[in-house]
């Protein structure tokens, strides 16, 4: 019987042990790879299903982003997971797990392009391009950064950090980070569109409410103006005309018997007819001054300034003629502001009216050196009417004042573009 070679037996045993160890290592490695893949798939599936579907349902984006970051950290066994959002030239820490203090950092336009086009990158890339992100992080921590973008627009960064097994973080996390960044980018972009749409709708609602209120005020102002005209006609010209009618009839009856008395009555008739005419002229001037129609803004406002006590200084050099609705809106706003200054600024106040055209806009300013007042959100009828007049023609009105600082009323109105 042949004797076994001890050396050969030992070699066989050693080779068998090595083969078994290699097999075990391969199995363990395969299991670990499968676990890493499963973790990546879990994170990706969470975003694709829960995040996306809940966002479509209208769940708050802040809540969903926090869940994404928490899931990323848990699935990939990370020390830190962060989502930074890019807005108005700055990167801002939106969500961190574990939670971290809010912070942001500037991002220049040329650097934004670098970040946008970068693949999933590590600590060396971060040290070169975004060294501020390394502040406060352990030296031995491995980092992976994925730009979050959509349709060529940078929206933020996803950051994964891990101290354990640092060399394997790229293998464990890059695929998941790339997919998550793509899905989160689409979600952030959609959220931005939704926010912009909601802001636009809110603005439209405010504008509609302001327009409705303005129309209501204009209707009320028109009603009040009609009542004022009716009252002025009744108390002024109508009374003169009634007296004219009565005295004319009386003079006719007594002309033969009392000629001297009839003559005196006719003189009174002439005087009261002239008074009625003056009342009607004054009333018509308040409705639409003839001088505004015939000579334009500069002359009409010059006459209005002369009627004030004390008179107002006027600077309207180079002013031309404009459409009737523009001239009317500016004239009555200026007159209202001048009358307010005359009533409230004080006896020693100086008032100046300036008008100028800049491009396709007509600007005016009524400034007084009087006592001033505290400007509040509540405006009286006169100021509201001024704002409504300009608003109806596409213009705006701004009032600045303060106790002891006088008052300034600024207005601007667009002019038709010459063709």
Protein backbone atom coordinates (compact mmCIF):
# COMPACT_ATOMS: atom_id res chain seq x y z
CA UNK A 1 0.00 0.00 0.00
CA UNK A 2 1.45 3.38 -1.08
CA UNK A 3 2.23 5.85 1.58
CA UNK A 4 0.59 9.33 1.32
CA UNK A 5 2.92 12.23 0.89
CA UNK A 6 2.40 14.50 3.90
CA UNK A 7 3.42 17.54 1.86
CA UNK A 8 0.93 16.73 -0.89
CA UNK A 9 -1.86 16.22 1.60
CA UNK A 10 -1.12 19.56 3.22
CA UNK A 11 -1.11 21.29 -0.14
CA UNK A 12 -4.47 19.83 -1.06
CA UNK A 13 -5.97 20.85 2.25
CA UNK A 14 -4.57 24.37 1.89
CA UNK A 15 -5.93 24.72 -1.63
CA UNK A 16 -9.32 23.43 -0.54
CA UNK A 17 -9.40 25.89 2.34
CA UNK A 18 -8.44 28.73 0.04
CA UNK A 19 -11.15 27.76 -2.42
CA UNK A 20 -13.71 27.57 0.37
CA UNK A 21 -12.64 30.97 1.73
CA UNK A 22 -12.85 32.49 -1.73
CA UNK A 23 -16.29 31.01 -2.21
CA UNK A 24 -17.46 32.34 1.16
CA UNK A 25 -16.02 35.79 0.38
CA UNK A 26 -17.76 35.79 -2.98
CA UNK A 27 -21.05 34.81 -1.39
CA UNK A 28 -20.71 37.47 1.31
CA UNK A 29 -19.67 40.05 -1.27
CA UNK A 30 -22.60 39.11 -3.46
CA UNK A 31 -24.99 39.40 -0.51
CA UNK A 32 -23.57 42.78 0.41
CA UNK A 33 -23.83 43.92 -3.20
CA UNK A 34 -27.41 42.71 -3.30
CA UNK A 35 -28.18 44.55 -0.04
CA UNK A 36 -26.63 47.72 -1.41
CA UNK A 37 -28.60 47.35 -4.59
CA UNK A 38 -31.75 46.66 -2.65
CA UNK A 39 -31.16 49.75 -0.51
CA UNK A 40 -30.65 51.88 -3.60
CA UNK A 41 -33.77 50.45 -5.19
CA UNK A 42 -35.77 51.10 -2.01
CA UNK A 43 -34.73 54.74 -1.99
CA UNK A 44 -35.47 55.13 -5.69
CA UNK A 45 -38.79 53.32 -5.44
CA UNK A 46 -39.81 55.54 -2.53
CA UNK A 47 -39.30 58.67 -4.62
CA UNK A 48 -40.91 57.22 -7.71
CA UNK A 49 -44.01 56.04 -5.89
CA UNK A 50 -44.67 57.79 -2.60
CA UNK A 51 -42.96 61.13 -3.30
CA UNK A 52 -44.25 61.62 -6.83
CA UNK A 53 -47.80 60.40 -6.23
CA UNK A 54 -48.20 62.40 -3.03
CA UNK A 55 -46.87 65.49 -4.71
CA UNK A 56 -49.45 65.12 -7.46
CA UNK A 57 -52.09 64.91 -4.71
CA UNK A 58 -50.87 68.25 -3.39
CA UNK A 59 -49.01 67.20 -0.21
CA UNK A 60 -46.70 69.96 1.11
CA UNK A 61 -43.36 69.88 -0.70
CA UNK A 62 -41.40 70.58 2.52
CA UNK A 63 -42.80 67.45 4.16
CA UNK A 64 -42.05 65.30 1.12
CA UNK A 65 -38.48 66.55 0.80
CA UNK A 66 -37.80 65.75 4.44
CA UNK A 67 -39.09 62.21 3.93
CA UNK A 68 -36.83 61.80 0.89
CA UNK A 69 -33.76 62.83 2.89
CA UNK A 70 -34.71 60.64 5.85
CA UNK A 71 -35.24 57.66 3.55
CA UNK A 72 -31.96 58.26 1.75
CA UNK A 73 -30.06 58.25 5.02
CA UNK A 74 -31.82 55.15 6.33
CA UNK A 75 -31.65 53.04 3.15
CA UNK A 76 -27.96 53.77 2.47
CA UNK A 77 -26.83 53.71 6.13
CA UNK A 78 -25.44 57.26 5.92
CA UNK A 79 -24.13 59.53 8.68
CA UNK A 80 -25.63 62.58 7.00
CA UNK A 81 -28.04 63.25 4.14
CA UNK A 82 -28.78 66.75 2.93
CA UNK A 83 -30.81 68.57 0.31
CA UNK A 84 -29.66 72.05 -0.71
CA UNK A 85 -31.94 74.27 -2.83
CA UNK A 86 -30.64 76.83 -5.30
CA UNK A 87 -32.55 80.14 -5.34
CA UNK A 88 -31.61 83.66 -6.44
CA UNK A 89 -27.90 83.00 -6.73
CA UNK A 90 -27.51 81.13 -3.42
CA UNK A 91 -27.46 77.52 -2.22
CA UNK A 92 -29.63 77.10 0.87
CA UNK A 93 -29.76 74.07 3.16
CA UNK A 94 -33.38 72.99 2.86
CA UNK A 95 -33.39 69.66 4.72
CA UNK A 96 -30.71 67.80 6.70
CA UNK A 97 -30.80 64.49 8.54
CA UNK A 98 -29.78 64.65 11.28
CA UNK A 99 -31.13 68.22 11.50
CA UNK A 100 -28.57 71.01 11.11
CA UNK A 101 -28.61 74.78 11.49
CA UNK A 102 -29.99 76.68 8.51
CA UNK A 103 -27.24 78.06 6.31
CA UNK A 104 -26.65 79.27 2.78
CA UNK A 105 -23.77 80.24 0.54
CA UNK A 106 -23.42 82.28 -2.66
CA UNK A 107 -23.02 80.54 -6.00
CA UNK A 108 -21.62 82.63 -8.86
CA UNK A 109 -23.13 82.24 -12.32
CA UNK A 110 -20.02 80.61 -13.78
CA UNK A 111 -19.81 78.19 -10.86
CA UNK A 112 -23.47 77.36 -11.26
CA UNK A 113 -22.72 76.06 -14.75
CA UNK A 114 -19.94 73.84 -13.36
CA UNK A 115 -22.24 72.38 -10.70
CA UNK A 116 -25.09 71.88 -13.16
CA UNK A 117 -22.96 69.82 -15.54
CA UNK A 118 -21.06 67.82 -12.89
CA UNK A 119 -21.68 64.08 -12.44
CA UNK A 120 -22.10 62.58 -8.99
CA UNK A 121 -18.84 63.72 -7.37
CA UNK A 122 -16.82 63.28 -4.20
CA UNK A 123 -14.78 65.14 -1.61
CA UNK A 124 -11.96 66.16 -3.96
CA UNK A 125 -14.40 67.79 -6.38
CA UNK A 126 -16.11 69.52 -3.47
CA UNK A 127 -12.79 70.83 -2.16
CA UNK A 128 -12.05 72.33 -5.58
CA UNK A 129 -15.40 73.89 -6.46
CA UNK A 130 -17.50 74.17 -3.27
CA UNK A 131 -15.05 74.15 -0.33
CA UNK A 132 -17.59 75.96 1.87
CA UNK A 133 -19.62 72.74 1.98
CA UNK A 134 -16.77 70.97 3.81
CA UNK A 135 -16.88 73.33 6.79
CA UNK A 136 -17.68 71.45 10.00
CA UNK A 137 -17.50 67.97 8.44
CA UNK A 138 -15.15 65.26 9.82
CA UNK A 139 -11.93 64.90 7.83
CA UNK A 140 -12.41 61.16 7.35
CA UNK A 141 -15.99 61.42 6.11
CA UNK A 142 -16.57 60.41 2.52
CA UNK A 143 -18.97 62.64 0.54
CA UNK A 144 -20.98 62.19 -2.62
CA UNK A 145 -22.72 65.16 -4.24
CA UNK A 146 -25.37 64.97 -6.96
CA UNK A 147 -26.66 68.10 -8.73
CA UNK A 148 -30.44 68.38 -8.73
CA UNK A 149 -31.68 69.85 -12.00
CA UNK A 150 -34.51 69.82 -14.50
CA UNK A 151 -34.70 71.04 -18.09
CA UNK A 152 -31.18 72.49 -17.88
CA UNK A 153 -31.91 74.50 -14.73
CA UNK A 154 -29.96 73.96 -11.51
CA UNK A 155 -32.36 73.47 -8.60
CA UNK A 156 -30.08 72.22 -5.82
CA UNK A 157 -27.76 69.49 -4.50
CA UNK A 158 -28.20 66.12 -2.83
CA UNK A 159 -25.34 65.27 -0.44
CA UNK A 160 -24.58 61.90 1.16
CA UNK A 161 -21.91 61.58 3.87
CA UNK A 162 -20.53 58.47 5.59
CA UNK A 163 -17.51 57.76 7.79
CA UNK A 164 -17.86 53.96 7.86
CA UNK A 165 -16.50 52.17 4.79
CA UNK A 166 -15.68 55.52 3.10
CA UNK A 167 -14.14 53.97 0.00
CA UNK A 168 -17.34 52.11 -0.83
CA UNK A 169 -19.71 55.09 -0.56
CA UNK A 170 -19.48 55.84 -4.27
CA UNK A 171 -20.33 52.24 -5.14
CA UNK A 172 -23.17 52.18 -2.63
CA UNK A 173 -24.75 55.57 -3.28
CA UNK A 174 -24.00 56.99 -6.74
CA UNK A 175 -26.71 55.17 -8.64
CA UNK A 176 -29.34 56.03 -6.04
CA UNK A 177 -28.21 59.67 -5.79
CA UNK A 178 -28.30 60.12 -9.56
CA UNK A 179 -31.81 58.69 -9.82
CA UNK A 180 -33.06 60.54 -6.74
CA UNK A 181 -31.63 63.83 -7.99
CA UNK A 182 -33.48 63.37 -11.28
CA UNK A 183 -36.80 62.61 -9.60
CA UNK A 184 -36.44 65.33 -6.94
CA UNK A 185 -35.45 67.81 -9.65
CA UNK A 186 -38.67 67.12 -11.52
CA UNK A 187 -40.60 67.48 -8.26
CA UNK A 188 -38.95 70.77 -7.33
CA UNK A 189 -39.52 72.12 -10.82
CA UNK A 190 -43.19 71.16 -10.65
CA UNK A 191 -43.46 72.68 -7.18
CA UNK A 192 -41.94 75.91 -8.50
CA UNK A 193 -44.47 76.02 -11.32
CA UNK A 194 -47.29 75.31 -8.88
CA UNK A 195 -46.07 78.05 -6.54
CA UNK A 196 -45.77 80.51 -9.43
CA UNK A 197 -49.26 79.56 -10.60
CA UNK A 198 -50.70 80.01 -7.11
CA UNK A 199 -48.95 83.37 -6.78
CA UNK A 200 -50.30 84.45 -10.17
CA UNK A 201 -53.81 83.33 -9.26
CA UNK A 202 -53.60 85.13 -5.92
CA UNK A 203 -52.40 88.27 -7.67
CA UNK A 204 -55.21 88.00 -10.21
CA UNK A 205 -57.72 87.60 -7.38
CA UNK A 206 -56.31 90.67 -5.62
CA UNK A 207 -56.38 92.65 -8.84
CA UNK A 208 -59.94 91.51 -9.55
CA UNK A 209 -61.00 92.52 -6.04
CA UNK A 210 -59.23 95.87 -6.38
CA UNK A 211 -60.83 96.39 -9.79
CA UNK A 212 -64.27 95.56 -8.40
CA UNK A 213 -63.72 97.91 -5.47
CA UNK A 214 -62.44 100.59 -7.83
CA UNK A 215 -65.48 100.20 -10.08
CA UNK A 216 -67.76 100.40 -7.08
CA UNK A 217 -66.01 103.57 -5.92
CA UNK A 218 -66.21 105.07 -9.40
CA UNK A 219 -69.94 104.33 -9.58
CA UNK A 220 -70.45 105.79 -6.10
CA UNK A 221 -68.35 108.84 -7.02
CA UNK A 222 -70.37 109.31 -10.22
CA UNK A 223 -73.61 109.08 -8.22
CA UNK A 224 -72.29 111.55 -5.68
CA UNK A 225 -71.20 113.90 -8.47
CA UNK A 226 -74.63 113.74 -10.08
CA UNK A 227 -76.25 114.52 -6.75
CA UNK A 228 -73.84 117.42 -6.23
CA UNK A 229 -74.65 118.83 -9.67
CA UNK A 230 -78.37 118.42 -8.98
CA UNK A 231 -77.97 120.15 -5.61
CA UNK A 232 -75.88 122.98 -7.07
CA UNK A 233 -78.39 123.49 -9.86
CA UNK A 234 -81.27 123.50 -7.37
CA UNK A 235 -79.61 125.82 -4.87
CA UNK A 236 -77.95 128.09 -7.43
CA UNK A 237 -78.96 128.59 -11.04
CA UNK A 238 -82.46 127.14 -10.58
CA UNK A 239 -83.30 129.64 -7.84
CA UNK A 240 -82.14 132.53 -10.00
CA UNK A 241 -84.13 131.26 -12.96
CA UNK A 242 -87.27 130.79 -10.85
CA UNK A 243 -86.90 134.40 -9.66
CA UNK A 244 -86.35 135.55 -13.25
CA UNK A 245 -89.54 133.80 -14.37
CA UNK A 246 -91.65 135.19 -11.54
CA UNK A 247 -90.37 138.77 -11.89
CA UNK A 248 -90.74 138.71 -15.66
CA UNK A 249 -94.39 137.66 -15.35
CA UNK A 250 -95.02 140.25 -12.63
CA UNK A 251 -93.43 143.04 -14.64
CA UNK A 252 -95.61 142.07 -17.59
CA UNK A 253 -98.78 142.34 -15.48
CA UNK A 254 -97.93 145.71 -13.92
CA UNK A 255 -96.19 147.29 -16.88
CA UNK A 256 -99.17 149.44 -17.83
CA UNK A 257 -100.22 150.47 -14.30
CA UNK A 258 -96.78 150.73 -12.65
CA UNK A 259 -94.17 151.27 -15.34
CA UNK A 260 -91.41 152.40 -12.93
CA UNK A 261 -91.78 149.32 -10.75
CA UNK A 262 -91.87 147.13 -13.86
CA UNK A 263 -88.61 148.72 -15.05
CA UNK A 264 -86.92 147.98 -11.72
CA UNK A 265 -88.15 144.39 -11.88
CA UNK A 266 -86.70 144.00 -15.36
CA UNK A 267 -83.34 145.29 -14.09
CA UNK A 268 -83.46 142.65 -11.36
CA UNK A 269 -84.36 140.06 -13.98
CA UNK A 270 -81.22 140.95 -15.96
CA UNK A 271 -79.04 140.79 -12.83
CA UNK A 272 -80.43 137.43 -11.76
CA UNK A 273 -80.13 136.03 -15.29
CA UNK A 274 -76.47 137.04 -15.29
CA UNK A 275 -76.02 135.45 -11.85
CA UNK A 276 -77.62 132.24 -13.12
CA UNK A 277 -75.25 132.29 -16.10
CA UNK A 278 -72.25 132.64 -13.79
CA UNK A 279 -73.52 129.75 -11.66
CA UNK A 280 -73.86 127.58 -14.76
CA UNK A 281 -70.38 128.54 -15.94
CA UNK A 282 -68.88 127.67 -12.58
CA UNK A 283 -70.76 124.40 -12.53
CA UNK A 284 -69.59 123.56 -16.05
CA UNK A 285 -66.01 124.41 -15.10
CA UNK A 286 -66.19 121.85 -12.29
CA UNK A 287 -67.46 119.19 -14.67
CA UNK A 288 -64.89 119.83 -17.42
CA UNK A 289 -63.09 123.16 -17.65
CA UNK A 290 -63.32 124.71 -21.14
CA UNK A 291 -59.70 125.84 -20.88
CA UNK A 292 -58.55 122.22 -20.55
CA UNK A 293 -60.31 121.31 -23.76
CA UNK A 294 -59.15 124.37 -25.71
CA UNK A 295 -55.62 124.99 -24.41
CA UNK A 296 -54.47 121.80 -22.67
CA UNK A 297 -53.05 120.77 -19.31
CA UNK A 298 -50.44 123.47 -18.81
CA UNK A 299 -52.85 126.40 -19.24
CA UNK A 300 -55.72 124.75 -17.37
CA UNK A 301 -53.52 123.90 -14.38
CA UNK A 302 -51.94 127.36 -14.46
CA UNK A 303 -55.43 128.82 -14.04
CA UNK A 304 -56.17 126.36 -11.23
CA UNK A 305 -52.91 127.35 -9.45
CA UNK A 306 -53.81 131.05 -9.68
CA UNK A 307 -57.18 130.44 -8.05
CA UNK A 308 -55.54 129.00 -4.92
CA UNK A 309 -54.77 131.14 -1.89
CA UNK A 310 -51.84 131.49 -1.70
CA UNK A 311 -51.18 130.69 -5.38
CA UNK A 312 -49.23 127.50 -6.24
CA UNK A 313 -45.94 127.47 -8.18
CA UNK A 314 -46.19 125.58 -11.46
CA UNK A 315 -43.41 123.89 -13.43
CA UNK A 316 -44.84 122.46 -16.66
CA UNK A 317 -42.33 123.54 -19.31
CA UNK A 318 -42.37 121.55 -22.51
CA UNK A 319 -45.78 120.01 -21.86
CA UNK A 320 -47.79 119.29 -25.00
CA UNK A 321 -51.29 118.10 -25.80
CA UNK A 322 -52.44 114.61 -24.91
CA UNK A 323 -55.55 112.46 -25.38
CA UNK A 324 -58.60 113.84 -23.61
CA UNK A 325 -58.83 110.97 -21.11
CA UNK A 326 -55.17 111.46 -20.10
CA UNK A 327 -55.53 115.23 -19.71
CA UNK A 328 -58.76 114.83 -17.76
CA UNK A 329 -57.33 112.22 -15.35
CA UNK A 330 -54.16 114.23 -14.67
CA UNK A 331 -56.00 117.56 -14.37
CA UNK A 332 -58.56 116.41 -11.82
CA UNK A 333 -55.96 114.46 -9.80
CA UNK A 334 -53.72 117.54 -9.64
CA UNK A 335 -56.63 119.81 -8.73
CA UNK A 336 -57.71 117.41 -5.97
CA UNK A 337 -54.16 117.30 -4.60
CA UNK A 338 -53.87 121.11 -4.77
CA UNK A 339 -57.18 121.55 -2.96
CA UNK A 340 -56.07 119.08 -0.27
CA UNK A 341 -52.86 121.06 0.18
CA UNK A 342 -54.82 124.32 0.44
CA UNK A 343 -57.13 122.81 3.08
CA UNK A 344 -54.69 120.86 5.22
CA UNK A 345 -51.10 122.03 4.69
CA UNK A 346 -51.47 125.20 6.74
CA UNK A 347 -51.54 128.96 5.99
CA UNK A 348 -47.76 129.33 5.61
CA UNK A 349 -47.17 126.25 3.47
CA UNK A 350 -45.71 126.55 0.00
CA UNK A 351 -47.09 124.29 -2.71
CA UNK A 352 -45.39 123.32 -5.98
CA UNK A 353 -46.87 121.44 -8.93
CA UNK A 354 -44.49 119.83 -11.42
CA UNK A 355 -45.35 117.98 -14.62
CA UNK A 356 -43.02 116.30 -17.10
CA UNK A 357 -43.08 113.71 -19.84
CA UNK A 358 -40.52 110.90 -19.86
CA UNK A 359 -40.78 108.61 -22.83
CA UNK A 360 -44.29 107.23 -23.02
CA UNK A 361 -45.21 108.30 -19.48
CA UNK A 362 -46.59 111.54 -18.10
CA UNK A 363 -45.54 112.28 -14.52
CA UNK A 364 -46.84 114.83 -12.04
CA UNK A 365 -45.90 115.81 -8.49
CA UNK A 366 -47.77 118.01 -6.01
CA UNK A 367 -45.55 118.83 -3.02
CA UNK A 368 -46.27 121.09 -0.07
CA UNK A 369 -44.18 122.17 2.91
CA UNK A 370 -47.07 121.92 5.36
CA UNK A 371 -47.77 120.00 8.54
CA UNK A 372 -48.06 116.57 6.86
CA UNK A 373 -49.83 113.50 8.22
CA UNK A 374 -49.30 109.81 8.90
CA UNK A 375 -50.07 107.82 5.77
CA UNK A 376 -52.21 104.76 6.52
CA UNK A 377 -53.77 101.99 4.47
CA UNK A 378 -57.18 103.66 4.80
CA UNK A 379 -57.70 106.49 2.30
CA UNK A 380 -60.39 109.10 2.22
CA UNK A 381 -62.73 109.58 -0.68
CA UNK A 382 -60.57 112.19 -2.42
CA UNK A 383 -57.40 110.11 -2.43
CA UNK A 384 -59.30 106.97 -3.44
CA UNK A 385 -60.92 108.86 -6.32
CA UNK A 386 -57.50 110.09 -7.48
CA UNK A 387 -56.13 106.55 -7.41
CA UNK A 388 -59.18 105.24 -9.26
CA UNK A 389 -58.97 107.94 -11.94
CA UNK A 390 -55.35 107.13 -12.70
CA UNK A 391 -55.91 103.38 -12.37
CA UNK A 392 -58.70 103.49 -14.95
CA UNK A 393 -56.17 104.89 -17.44
CA UNK A 394 -53.40 102.44 -16.43
CA UNK A 395 -51.60 104.86 -14.11
CA UNK A 396 -50.48 104.74 -10.49
CA UNK A 397 -50.49 107.11 -7.51
CA UNK A 398 -48.04 107.28 -4.59
CA UNK A 399 -48.48 109.44 -1.49
CA UNK A 400 -45.61 110.28 0.86
CA UNK A 401 -46.07 112.27 4.04
CA UNK A 402 -45.18 112.49 7.69
CA UNK A 403 -46.04 114.73 10.61
CA UNK A 404 -43.99 117.92 10.21
CA UNK A 405 -42.51 116.82 6.86
CA UNK A 406 -45.10 118.03 4.38
CA UNK A 407 -46.83 115.91 1.75
CA UNK A 408 -45.89 114.77 -1.75
CA UNK A 409 -48.33 113.22 -4.21
CA UNK A 410 -46.72 111.45 -7.19
CA UNK A 411 -48.65 110.21 -10.18
CA UNK A 412 -47.82 108.68 -13.54
CA UNK A 413 -49.95 107.66 -16.47
CA UNK A 414 -49.01 105.87 -19.72
CA UNK A 415 -49.28 107.66 -23.03
CA UNK A 416 -50.38 106.03 -26.28
CA UNK A 417 -47.41 104.90 -28.36
CA UNK A 418 -47.14 106.94 -31.53
CA UNK A 419 -47.41 104.84 -34.68
